[in-house]
């Protein structure tokens, strides 16, 4: 089931969101100060491309630096990427088949807005729904 959802996700939302994350990551890597944000963006891009079977976990070792970078990230890219998720979710929710994808899309917004202090791990038992 996970593979089927990932394939449907890829064509009906994953690819455009993935390209948005790649663009944001490239822009963030232009400046030295925002390179960590660019790397976080590339990390999330892989998750956005193929999300089912992965899980987001907190990193307890994250400190004040990650909180500061979360604020910078939210202002520079997080808000705009979250708007992309909401827009894609609205388009997916038009059909019955797309409703689970829209729910999954909305559940990605917290890591989109505040990626620092989080890790994405493979978990075959995980369901984004």
C-alpha atoms as a PDB file:
ATOM      1  CA  UNK A   1       0.000   0.000   0.000  1.00  0.00           C
ATOM      2  CA  UNK A   2       2.866   2.332   0.865  1.00  0.00           C
ATOM      3  CA  UNK A   3       4.412   1.965  -2.587  1.00  0.00           C
ATOM      4  CA  UNK A   4       1.103   2.635  -4.307  1.00  0.00           C
ATOM      5  CA  UNK A   5       0.544   5.774  -2.214  1.00  0.00           C
ATOM      6  CA  UNK A   6       4.095   6.946  -2.974  1.00  0.00           C
ATOM      7  CA  UNK A   7       3.581   6.493  -6.719  1.00  0.00           C
ATOM      8  CA  UNK A   8       0.260   8.369  -6.659  1.00  0.00           C
ATOM      9  CA  UNK A   9       1.860  11.036  -4.443  1.00  0.00           C
ATOM     10  CA  UNK A  10       4.785  11.458  -6.843  1.00  0.00           C
ATOM     11  CA  UNK A  11       2.565  12.328  -9.785  1.00  0.00           C
ATOM     12  CA  UNK A  12      -0.128  14.321  -7.989  1.00  0.00           C
ATOM     13  CA  UNK A  13       1.867  16.587  -5.734  1.00  0.00           C
ATOM     14  CA  UNK A  14       5.264  15.183  -4.847  1.00  0.00           C
ATOM     15  CA  UNK A  15       7.163  16.237  -7.950  1.00  0.00           C
ATOM     16  CA  UNK A  16       6.082  19.915  -7.962  1.00  0.00           C
ATOM     17  CA  UNK A  17       6.747  20.215  -4.219  1.00  0.00           C
ATOM     18  CA  UNK A  18      10.126  18.504  -4.661  1.00  0.00           C
ATOM     19  CA  UNK A  19      11.101  21.030  -7.331  1.00  0.00           C
ATOM     20  CA  UNK A  20      10.021  23.882  -5.030  1.00  0.00           C
ATOM     21  CA  UNK A  21      12.238  22.543  -2.260  1.00  0.00           C
ATOM     22  CA  UNK A  22      15.174  22.158  -4.651  1.00  0.00           C
ATOM     23  CA  UNK A  23      14.771  25.749  -5.789  1.00  0.00           C
ATOM     24  CA  UNK A  24      14.559  27.022  -2.205  1.00  0.00           C
ATOM     25  CA  UNK A  25      17.622  24.954  -1.286  1.00  0.00           C
ATOM     26  CA  UNK A  26      19.638  26.335  -4.175  1.00  0.00           C
ATOM     27  CA  UNK A  27      18.697  29.901  -3.259  1.00  0.00           C
ATOM     28  CA  UNK A  28      19.591  29.265   0.377  1.00  0.00           C
ATOM     29  CA  UNK A  29      23.011  27.872  -0.605  1.00  0.00           C
ATOM     30  CA  UNK A  30      23.950  31.129  -2.337  1.00  0.00           C
ATOM     31  CA  UNK A  31      24.803  32.809   0.969  1.00  0.00           C
ATOM     32  CA  UNK A  32      27.220  31.252   3.446  1.00  0.00           C
ATOM     33  CA  UNK A  33      25.015  32.008   6.437  1.00  0.00           C
ATOM     34  CA  UNK A  34      22.016  30.146   5.012  1.00  0.00           C
ATOM     35  CA  UNK A  35      23.858  27.023   3.801  1.00  0.00           C
ATOM     36  CA  UNK A  36      22.468  24.982   6.750  1.00  0.00           C
ATOM     37  CA  UNK A  37      18.979  26.013   5.632  1.00  0.00           C
ATOM     38  CA  UNK A  38      19.773  24.867   2.102  1.00  0.00           C
ATOM     39  CA  UNK A  39      20.961  21.491   3.364  1.00  0.00           C
ATOM     40  CA  UNK A  40      17.814  21.136   5.459  1.00  0.00           C
ATOM     41  CA  UNK A  41      15.790  21.973   2.380  1.00  0.00           C
ATOM     42  CA  UNK A  42      17.482  19.210   0.383  1.00  0.00           C
ATOM     43  CA  UNK A  43      16.846  16.779   3.252  1.00  0.00           C
ATOM     44  CA  UNK A  44      13.146  17.645   3.281  1.00  0.00           C
ATOM     45  CA  UNK A  45      12.985  17.465  -0.528  1.00  0.00           C
ATOM     46  CA  UNK A  46      13.714  13.743  -0.398  1.00  0.00           C
ATOM     47  CA  UNK A  47      10.975  13.302   2.191  1.00  0.00           C
ATOM     48  CA  UNK A  48       8.488  15.302   0.128  1.00  0.00           C
ATOM     49  CA  UNK A  49       9.240  13.274  -2.986  1.00  0.00           C
ATOM     50  CA  UNK A  50       8.601   9.863  -1.361  1.00  0.00           C
ATOM     51  CA  UNK A  51       6.986  10.401   2.098  1.00  0.00           C
ATOM     52  CA  UNK A  52       5.156   7.178   2.874  1.00  0.00           C
ATOM     53  CA  UNK A  53       7.288   4.806   4.946  1.00  0.00           C
ATOM     54  CA  UNK A  54       9.232   7.613   6.617  1.00  0.00           C
ATOM     55  CA  UNK A  55       8.736   9.328   9.925  1.00  0.00           C
ATOM     56  CA  UNK A  56       9.804  12.660  11.427  1.00  0.00           C
ATOM     57  CA  UNK A  57      11.401  12.441  14.866  1.00  0.00           C
ATOM     58  CA  UNK A  58      12.696  15.087  17.250  1.00  0.00           C
ATOM     59  CA  UNK A  59      16.430  15.359  17.844  1.00  0.00           C
ATOM     60  CA  UNK A  60      16.865  15.907  21.575  1.00  0.00           C
ATOM     61  CA  UNK A  61      20.410  17.221  21.082  1.00  0.00           C
ATOM     62  CA  UNK A  62      19.197  20.239  19.089  1.00  0.00           C
ATOM     63  CA  UNK A  63      19.977  23.464  20.915  1.00  0.00           C
ATOM     64  CA  UNK A  64      19.494  27.205  20.680  1.00  0.00           C
ATOM     65  CA  UNK A  65      21.207  27.354  17.285  1.00  0.00           C
ATOM     66  CA  UNK A  66      18.495  25.222  15.723  1.00  0.00           C
ATOM     67  CA  UNK A  67      15.805  27.430  17.271  1.00  0.00           C
ATOM     68  CA  UNK A  68      17.464  30.508  15.785  1.00  0.00           C
ATOM     69  CA  UNK A  69      17.791  28.847  12.377  1.00  0.00           C
ATOM     70  CA  UNK A  70      14.122  27.821  12.527  1.00  0.00           C
ATOM     71  CA  UNK A  71      13.153  31.491  12.842  1.00  0.00           C
ATOM     72  CA  UNK A  72      15.394  32.469   9.915  1.00  0.00           C
ATOM     73  CA  UNK A  73      14.148  29.523   7.868  1.00  0.00           C
ATOM     74  CA  UNK A  74      10.484  30.331   8.516  1.00  0.00           C
ATOM     75  CA  UNK A  75      10.909  33.910   7.351  1.00  0.00           C
ATOM     76  CA  UNK A  76      13.002  33.070   4.285  1.00  0.00           C
ATOM     77  CA  UNK A  77      11.465  29.874   2.915  1.00  0.00           C
ATOM     78  CA  UNK A  78       9.250  28.013   5.389  1.00  0.00           C
ATOM     79  CA  UNK A  79       6.207  30.211   5.019  1.00  0.00           C
ATOM     80  CA  UNK A  80       6.306  30.070   1.214  1.00  0.00           C
ATOM     81  CA  UNK A  81       6.800  26.314   1.116  1.00  0.00           C
ATOM     82  CA  UNK A  82       3.940  25.870   3.598  1.00  0.00           C
ATOM     83  CA  UNK A  83       1.709  27.905   1.283  1.00  0.00           C
ATOM     84  CA  UNK A  84       2.728  25.495  -1.490  1.00  0.00           C
ATOM     85  CA  UNK A  85       1.639  22.575   0.687  1.00  0.00           C
ATOM     86  CA  UNK A  86      -1.727  24.168   1.452  1.00  0.00           C
ATOM     87  CA  UNK A  87      -2.326  24.956  -2.227  1.00  0.00           C
ATOM     88  CA  UNK A  88      -1.391  21.428  -3.299  1.00  0.00           C
ATOM     89  CA  UNK A  89      -3.558  19.928  -0.547  1.00  0.00           C
ATOM     90  CA  UNK A  90      -6.532  21.989  -1.713  1.00  0.00           C
ATOM     91  CA  UNK A  91      -6.080  20.695  -5.260  1.00  0.00           C
ATOM     92  CA  UNK A  92      -5.700  17.106  -4.049  1.00  0.00           C
ATOM     93  CA  UNK A  93      -8.790  17.267  -1.825  1.00  0.00           C
ATOM     94  CA  UNK A  94     -11.067  17.803  -4.832  1.00  0.00           C
ATOM     95  CA  UNK A  95     -11.274  14.037  -5.442  1.00  0.00           C
ATOM     96  CA  UNK A  96     -11.979  11.213  -3.019  1.00  0.00           C
ATOM     97  CA  UNK A  97      -8.728   9.483  -3.954  1.00  0.00           C
ATOM     98  CA  UNK A  98      -6.805  12.687  -3.271  1.00  0.00           C
ATOM     99  CA  UNK A  99      -8.170  13.278   0.233  1.00  0.00           C
ATOM    100  CA  UNK A 100      -5.602  11.004   1.968  1.00  0.00           C
ATOM    101  CA  UNK A 101      -2.865  12.748  -0.013  1.00  0.00           C
ATOM    102  CA  UNK A 102      -4.193  16.147   1.020  1.00  0.00           C
ATOM    103  CA  UNK A 103      -4.168  15.086   4.671  1.00  0.00           C
ATOM    104  CA  UNK A 104      -0.586  13.854   4.316  1.00  0.00           C
ATOM    105  CA  UNK A 105       0.333  17.124   2.641  1.00  0.00           C
ATOM    106  CA  UNK A 106      -1.038  19.166   5.528  1.00  0.00           C
ATOM    107  CA  UNK A 107       0.798  16.977   8.048  1.00  0.00           C
ATOM    108  CA  UNK A 108       4.102  17.942   6.396  1.00  0.00           C
ATOM    109  CA  UNK A 109       3.671  21.630   7.224  1.00  0.00           C
ATOM    110  CA  UNK A 110       5.307  21.496  10.700  1.00  0.00           C
ATOM    111  CA  UNK A 111       8.600  20.146   9.336  1.00  0.00           C
ATOM    112  CA  UNK A 112       8.326  22.546   6.422  1.00  0.00           C
ATOM    113  CA  UNK A 113       8.098  25.519   8.752  1.00  0.00           C
ATOM    114  CA  UNK A 114      10.570  24.370  11.416  1.00  0.00           C
ATOM    115  CA  UNK A 115      12.998  21.724  10.062  1.00  0.00           C
ATOM    116  CA  UNK A 116      15.895  22.230  12.463  1.00  0.00           C
ATOM    117  CA  UNK A 117      15.889  19.880  15.430  1.00  0.00           C
ATOM    118  CA  UNK A 118      14.049  17.197  13.455  1.00  0.00           C
ATOM    119  CA  UNK A 119      15.266  14.094  11.627  1.00  0.00           C
ATOM    120  CA  UNK A 120      13.583  12.018   8.936  1.00  0.00           C
ATOM    121  CA  UNK A 121      14.004   8.282   9.448  1.00  0.00           C
ATOM    122  CA  UNK A 122      12.893   5.256   7.476  1.00  0.00           C
ATOM    123  CA  UNK A 123      10.131   3.397   9.260  1.00  0.00           C
ATOM    124  CA  UNK A 124       8.288   0.677   7.367  1.00  0.00           C
ATOM    125  CA  UNK A 125       5.517   0.721   9.978  1.00  0.00           C
ATOM    126  CA  UNK A 126       5.068   4.499   9.764  1.00  0.00           C
ATOM    127  CA  UNK A 127       2.063   5.999   8.107  1.00  0.00           C
ATOM    128  CA  UNK A 128       1.876   9.691   7.357  1.00  0.00           C
ATOM    129  CA  UNK A 129      -1.883   9.405   7.555  1.00  0.00           C
END
